Amino acid sequence: MYKKVDVLQNSGFVVYYLLMEKSKIYLETTMFSFYYAPDVPGYTELKAQVWQIFDQIRAGKYEAYTSIYAVQEIEAETNLEKRDKMKRLVIDYGVVVLPENEDSKLLDAV
């Protein structure tokens, strides 16, 4: 998408800027859980893909979101060490937690 900007007001000089918006990505609970999945057959490839996504979030390629419902699921994790690590991912990667509303309910249901 291009945005037209008059660099000197009413001068007739116009510049077009390419707006580079970050892609937004929604992370549901399994993304946080798979980050710490055991290295066993069937999980190794998925874990690598999840790590790659988090690396891309850290690099600024994606703007990451999750919902209050996913955070509640993380809080319900009975393994305290895993729960704390998953909560740390939200903080360390700057994941925006969406409040309780109809949109976040729809995302959580996906």
N, C-alpha and C. Protein backbone atom coordinates (compact mmCIF):
# COMPACT_ATOMS: atom_id res chain seq x y z
N MET A 1 0.84 -1.16 0.00
CA MET A 1 0.00 0.00 0.00
C MET A 1 0.89 1.24 0.00
N TYR A 2 0.54 2.18 -0.81
CA TYR A 2 1.30 3.42 -0.89
C TYR A 2 0.50 4.55 -0.25
N LYS A 3 1.21 5.45 0.38
CA LYS A 3 0.57 6.62 0.97
C LYS A 3 1.15 7.86 0.30
N LYS A 4 0.28 8.71 -0.15
CA LYS A 4 0.69 9.95 -0.81
C LYS A 4 0.91 11.01 0.26
N VAL A 5 2.08 11.64 0.26
CA VAL A 5 2.40 12.65 1.26
C VAL A 5 2.89 13.91 0.55
N ASP A 6 2.29 15.02 0.89
CA ASP A 6 2.72 16.33 0.37
C ASP A 6 3.83 16.81 1.30
N VAL A 7 5.10 16.69 0.85
CA VAL A 7 6.23 16.96 1.73
C VAL A 7 6.38 18.43 2.11
N LEU A 8 6.02 19.31 1.22
CA LEU A 8 6.00 20.75 1.53
C LEU A 8 4.58 21.20 1.26
N GLN A 9 3.86 21.52 2.29
CA GLN A 9 2.43 21.79 2.15
C GLN A 9 2.12 22.70 0.98
N ASN A 10 1.24 22.21 0.16
CA ASN A 10 0.74 22.95 -1.01
C ASN A 10 1.83 23.36 -1.99
N SER A 11 2.96 22.66 -1.99
CA SER A 11 4.06 23.02 -2.88
C SER A 11 3.96 22.32 -4.23
N GLY A 12 3.18 21.26 -4.26
CA GLY A 12 3.12 20.47 -5.47
C GLY A 12 4.14 19.35 -5.49
N PHE A 13 5.07 19.32 -4.55
CA PHE A 13 6.03 18.22 -4.44
C PHE A 13 5.38 17.09 -3.63
N VAL A 14 5.26 15.98 -4.27
CA VAL A 14 4.57 14.85 -3.63
C VAL A 14 5.50 13.65 -3.61
N VAL A 15 5.50 12.97 -2.49
CA VAL A 15 6.30 11.75 -2.34
C VAL A 15 5.34 10.63 -2.00
N TYR A 16 5.60 9.48 -2.56
CA TYR A 16 4.83 8.30 -2.21
C TYR A 16 5.70 7.42 -1.33
N TYR A 17 5.19 7.11 -0.18
CA TYR A 17 5.88 6.22 0.75
C TYR A 17 5.24 4.85 0.69
N LEU A 18 6.05 3.86 0.67
CA LEU A 18 5.55 2.50 0.76
C LEU A 18 5.37 2.18 2.23
N LEU A 19 4.14 1.93 2.63
CA LEU A 19 3.87 1.61 4.02
C LEU A 19 4.11 0.11 4.24
N MET A 20 5.08 -0.18 5.05
CA MET A 20 5.41 -1.57 5.35
C MET A 20 4.83 -1.92 6.72
N GLU A 21 3.66 -2.45 6.71
CA GLU A 21 3.06 -2.86 7.96
C GLU A 21 3.51 -4.27 8.30
N LYS A 22 3.73 -4.48 9.58
CA LYS A 22 4.06 -5.82 10.03
C LYS A 22 2.83 -6.70 9.90
N SER A 23 3.06 -7.93 9.57
CA SER A 23 1.96 -8.88 9.57
C SER A 23 1.63 -9.19 11.02
N LYS A 24 0.35 -9.34 11.27
CA LYS A 24 -0.10 -9.68 12.61
C LYS A 24 -0.32 -11.18 12.68
N ILE A 25 0.04 -11.76 13.81
CA ILE A 25 -0.10 -13.19 13.97
C ILE A 25 -0.75 -13.46 15.33
N TYR A 26 -1.70 -14.38 15.34
CA TYR A 26 -2.37 -14.76 16.58
C TYR A 26 -1.77 -16.07 17.07
N LEU A 27 -1.36 -16.08 18.33
CA LEU A 27 -0.77 -17.28 18.93
C LEU A 27 -1.77 -17.87 19.91
N GLU A 28 -2.19 -19.09 19.63
CA GLU A 28 -3.07 -19.74 20.59
C GLU A 28 -2.21 -20.59 21.53
N THR A 29 -2.81 -21.16 22.51
CA THR A 29 -2.09 -21.79 23.62
C THR A 29 -1.07 -22.83 23.19
N THR A 30 -1.38 -23.62 22.18
CA THR A 30 -0.44 -24.68 21.79
C THR A 30 0.88 -24.13 21.26
N MET A 31 0.87 -22.91 20.75
CA MET A 31 2.13 -22.31 20.29
C MET A 31 3.09 -22.15 21.46
N PHE A 32 2.59 -21.70 22.60
CA PHE A 32 3.42 -21.53 23.78
C PHE A 32 3.83 -22.90 24.35
N SER A 33 2.90 -23.83 24.30
CA SER A 33 3.17 -25.17 24.82
C SER A 33 4.19 -25.91 23.96
N PHE A 34 4.04 -25.83 22.63
CA PHE A 34 4.96 -26.54 21.74
C PHE A 34 6.37 -25.98 21.80
N TYR A 35 6.51 -24.73 22.21
CA TYR A 35 7.85 -24.15 22.35
C TYR A 35 8.68 -24.99 23.30
N TYR A 36 8.02 -25.59 24.28
CA TYR A 36 8.71 -26.42 25.28
C TYR A 36 8.36 -27.90 25.14
N ALA A 37 7.90 -28.31 23.97
CA ALA A 37 7.57 -29.71 23.75
C ALA A 37 8.81 -30.58 23.86
N PRO A 38 8.64 -31.81 24.30
CA PRO A 38 9.80 -32.71 24.38
C PRO A 38 10.34 -33.04 22.99
N ASP A 39 11.61 -33.35 22.92
CA ASP A 39 12.23 -33.74 21.65
C ASP A 39 11.98 -35.22 21.40
N VAL A 40 10.78 -35.51 20.96
CA VAL A 40 10.39 -36.88 20.65
C VAL A 40 9.82 -36.90 19.24
N PRO A 41 9.86 -38.06 18.58
CA PRO A 41 9.31 -38.14 17.23
C PRO A 41 7.87 -37.62 17.19
N GLY A 42 7.60 -36.86 16.17
CA GLY A 42 6.28 -36.29 16.03
C GLY A 42 6.19 -34.86 16.54
N TYR A 43 7.05 -34.52 17.48
CA TYR A 43 7.06 -33.17 18.04
C TYR A 43 8.25 -32.35 17.56
N THR A 44 9.31 -33.00 17.18
CA THR A 44 10.55 -32.30 16.84
C THR A 44 10.34 -31.29 15.73
N GLU A 45 9.68 -31.70 14.66
CA GLU A 45 9.46 -30.79 13.52
C GLU A 45 8.52 -29.64 13.91
N LEU A 46 7.45 -29.96 14.64
CA LEU A 46 6.52 -28.91 15.07
C LEU A 46 7.21 -27.92 16.00
N LYS A 47 8.02 -28.43 16.90
CA LYS A 47 8.74 -27.57 17.82
C LYS A 47 9.67 -26.63 17.05
N ALA A 48 10.36 -27.16 16.05
CA ALA A 48 11.26 -26.34 15.23
C ALA A 48 10.50 -25.25 14.51
N GLN A 49 9.30 -25.56 14.01
CA GLN A 49 8.48 -24.57 13.33
C GLN A 49 8.02 -23.48 14.30
N VAL A 50 7.65 -23.87 15.50
CA VAL A 50 7.23 -22.90 16.51
C VAL A 50 8.40 -22.00 16.88
N TRP A 51 9.58 -22.57 17.06
CA TRP A 51 10.76 -21.76 17.37
C TRP A 51 11.05 -20.77 16.25
N GLN A 52 10.86 -21.21 15.02
CA GLN A 52 11.10 -20.34 13.86
C GLN A 52 10.13 -19.15 13.90
N ILE A 53 8.88 -19.40 14.23
CA ILE A 53 7.90 -18.32 14.31
C ILE A 53 8.28 -17.34 15.41
N PHE A 54 8.68 -17.85 16.57
CA PHE A 54 9.09 -16.95 17.65
C PHE A 54 10.35 -16.16 17.27
N ASP A 55 11.26 -16.79 16.53
CA ASP A 55 12.44 -16.06 16.05
C ASP A 55 12.02 -14.92 15.12
N GLN A 56 11.03 -15.17 14.28
CA GLN A 56 10.54 -14.14 13.36
C GLN A 56 9.82 -13.02 14.11
N ILE A 57 9.14 -13.37 15.20
CA ILE A 57 8.51 -12.35 16.03
C ILE A 57 9.59 -11.47 16.64
N ARG A 58 10.61 -12.10 17.19
CA ARG A 58 11.71 -11.33 17.81
C ARG A 58 12.40 -10.44 16.77
N ALA A 59 12.52 -10.91 15.53
CA ALA A 59 13.18 -10.15 14.47
C ALA A 59 12.30 -9.02 13.93
N GLY A 60 11.04 -8.97 14.37
CA GLY A 60 10.16 -7.89 13.95
C GLY A 60 9.32 -8.18 12.72
N LYS A 61 9.35 -9.41 12.24
CA LYS A 61 8.56 -9.75 11.05
C LYS A 61 7.07 -9.78 11.37
N TYR A 62 6.74 -10.22 12.56
CA TYR A 62 5.34 -10.33 12.96
C TYR A 62 5.07 -9.51 14.22
N GLU A 63 3.87 -9.00 14.30
CA GLU A 63 3.35 -8.40 15.52
C GLU A 63 2.47 -9.48 16.14
N ALA A 64 2.85 -9.98 17.31
CA ALA A 64 2.20 -11.15 17.90
C ALA A 64 1.09 -10.77 18.87
N TYR A 65 0.00 -11.52 18.79
CA TYR A 65 -1.15 -11.34 19.67
C TYR A 65 -1.57 -12.68 20.23
N THR A 66 -2.14 -12.65 21.41
CA THR A 66 -2.83 -13.79 21.98
C THR A 66 -4.04 -13.22 22.72
N SER A 67 -4.87 -14.08 23.26
CA SER A 67 -6.06 -13.60 23.95
C SER A 67 -5.96 -13.85 25.44
N ILE A 68 -6.81 -13.18 26.17
CA ILE A 68 -6.90 -13.40 27.61
C ILE A 68 -7.27 -14.85 27.88
N TYR A 69 -8.00 -15.47 26.95
CA TYR A 69 -8.40 -16.87 27.12
C TYR A 69 -7.19 -17.80 27.03
N ALA A 70 -6.28 -17.51 26.11
CA ALA A 70 -5.05 -18.31 26.01
C ALA A 70 -4.21 -18.13 27.28
N VAL A 71 -4.15 -16.91 27.79
CA VAL A 71 -3.40 -16.67 29.03
C VAL A 71 -4.03 -17.43 30.19
N GLN A 72 -5.35 -17.49 30.22
CA GLN A 72 -6.04 -18.26 31.26
C GLN A 72 -5.70 -19.75 31.16
N GLU A 73 -5.60 -20.25 29.92
CA GLU A 73 -5.21 -21.65 29.73
C GLU A 73 -3.77 -21.88 30.20
N ILE A 74 -2.90 -20.93 29.93
CA ILE A 74 -1.52 -21.03 30.40
C ILE A 74 -1.50 -21.04 31.92
N GLU A 75 -2.28 -20.18 32.54
CA GLU A 75 -2.36 -20.12 34.00
C GLU A 75 -2.87 -21.43 34.60
N ALA A 76 -3.65 -22.17 33.83
CA ALA A 76 -4.21 -23.44 34.32
C ALA A 76 -3.23 -24.61 34.20
N GLU A 77 -2.08 -24.39 33.55
CA GLU A 77 -1.07 -25.45 33.41
C GLU A 77 -0.63 -25.91 34.80
N THR A 78 -0.69 -27.21 35.03
CA THR A 78 -0.36 -27.75 36.35
C THR A 78 1.14 -27.90 36.59
N ASN A 79 1.90 -28.01 35.51
CA ASN A 79 3.36 -28.08 35.64
C ASN A 79 3.85 -26.64 35.84
N LEU A 80 4.22 -26.32 37.07
CA LEU A 80 4.56 -24.93 37.41
C LEU A 80 5.74 -24.39 36.62
N GLU A 81 6.75 -25.23 36.38
CA GLU A 81 7.92 -24.78 35.61
C GLU A 81 7.51 -24.44 34.18
N LYS A 82 6.73 -25.32 33.56
CA LYS A 82 6.28 -25.08 32.18
C LYS A 82 5.37 -23.85 32.12
N ARG A 83 4.48 -23.71 33.10
CA ARG A 83 3.58 -22.56 33.14
C ARG A 83 4.39 -21.25 33.19
N ASP A 84 5.39 -21.21 34.06
CA ASP A 84 6.20 -20.00 34.19
C ASP A 84 6.96 -19.70 32.91
N LYS A 85 7.46 -20.74 32.25
CA LYS A 85 8.18 -20.55 30.99
C LYS A 85 7.25 -20.02 29.90
N MET A 86 6.03 -20.56 29.84
CA MET A 86 5.08 -20.10 28.82
C MET A 86 4.67 -18.65 29.08
N LYS A 87 4.46 -18.29 30.33
CA LYS A 87 4.15 -16.90 30.67
C LYS A 87 5.31 -15.98 30.29
N ARG A 88 6.52 -16.47 30.47
CA ARG A 88 7.72 -15.70 30.14
C ARG A 88 7.79 -15.42 28.63
N LEU A 89 7.34 -16.37 27.81
CA LEU A 89 7.32 -16.16 26.36
C LEU A 89 6.45 -14.96 25.99
N VAL A 90 5.31 -14.84 26.63
CA VAL A 90 4.41 -13.71 26.36
C VAL A 90 5.14 -12.40 26.63
N ILE A 91 5.83 -12.35 27.76
CA ILE A 91 6.54 -11.14 28.16
C ILE A 91 7.77 -10.90 27.27
N ASP A 92 8.61 -11.92 27.13
CA ASP A 92 9.88 -11.76 26.43
C ASP A 92 9.72 -11.41 24.95
N TYR A 93 8.64 -11.89 24.34
CA TYR A 93 8.43 -11.64 22.92
C TYR A 93 7.44 -10.51 22.67
N GLY A 94 7.02 -9.82 23.72
CA GLY A 94 6.13 -8.67 23.57
C GLY A 94 4.79 -9.02 22.96
N VAL A 95 4.28 -10.20 23.29
CA VAL A 95 2.99 -10.63 22.75
C VAL A 95 1.89 -9.78 23.38
N VAL A 96 1.07 -9.17 22.55
CA VAL A 96 -0.03 -8.35 23.02
C VAL A 96 -1.19 -9.26 23.41
N VAL A 97 -1.69 -9.08 24.63
CA VAL A 97 -2.82 -9.89 25.11
C VAL A 97 -4.11 -9.12 24.83
N LEU A 98 -4.94 -9.72 23.99
CA LEU A 98 -6.22 -9.10 23.64
C LEU A 98 -7.20 -9.27 24.79
N PRO A 99 -7.96 -8.23 25.10
CA PRO A 99 -8.91 -8.31 26.21
C PRO A 99 -10.09 -9.21 25.88
N GLU A 100 -10.87 -9.46 26.90
CA GLU A 100 -12.07 -10.28 26.73
C GLU A 100 -13.10 -9.49 25.92
N ASN A 101 -13.38 -9.97 24.71
CA ASN A 101 -14.42 -9.37 23.87
C ASN A 101 -14.81 -10.38 22.81
N GLU A 102 -15.75 -10.01 21.96
CA GLU A 102 -16.23 -10.95 20.94
C GLU A 102 -15.14 -11.37 19.96
N ASP A 103 -14.28 -10.44 19.57
CA ASP A 103 -13.20 -10.77 18.63
C ASP A 103 -12.25 -11.79 19.23
N SER A 104 -11.84 -11.60 20.48
CA SER A 104 -10.92 -12.55 21.09
C SER A 104 -11.59 -13.90 21.33
N LYS A 105 -12.90 -13.89 21.57
CA LYS A 105 -13.62 -15.15 21.71
C LYS A 105 -13.59 -15.93 20.39
N LEU A 106 -13.78 -15.19 19.28
CA LEU A 106 -13.75 -15.84 17.97
C LEU A 106 -12.35 -16.40 17.66
N LEU A 107 -11.33 -15.64 17.97
CA LEU A 107 -9.96 -16.12 17.74
C LEU A 107 -9.65 -17.34 18.58
N ASP A 108 -10.10 -17.33 19.81
CA ASP A 108 -9.85 -18.44 20.71
C ASP A 108 -10.56 -19.70 20.25
N ALA A 109 -11.68 -19.54 19.56
CA ALA A 109 -12.46 -20.69 19.10
C ALA A 109 -11.87 -21.35 17.85
N VAL A 110 -10.93 -20.69 17.20
CA VAL A 110 -10.34 -21.22 15.96
C VAL A 110 -9.52 -22.44 16.24
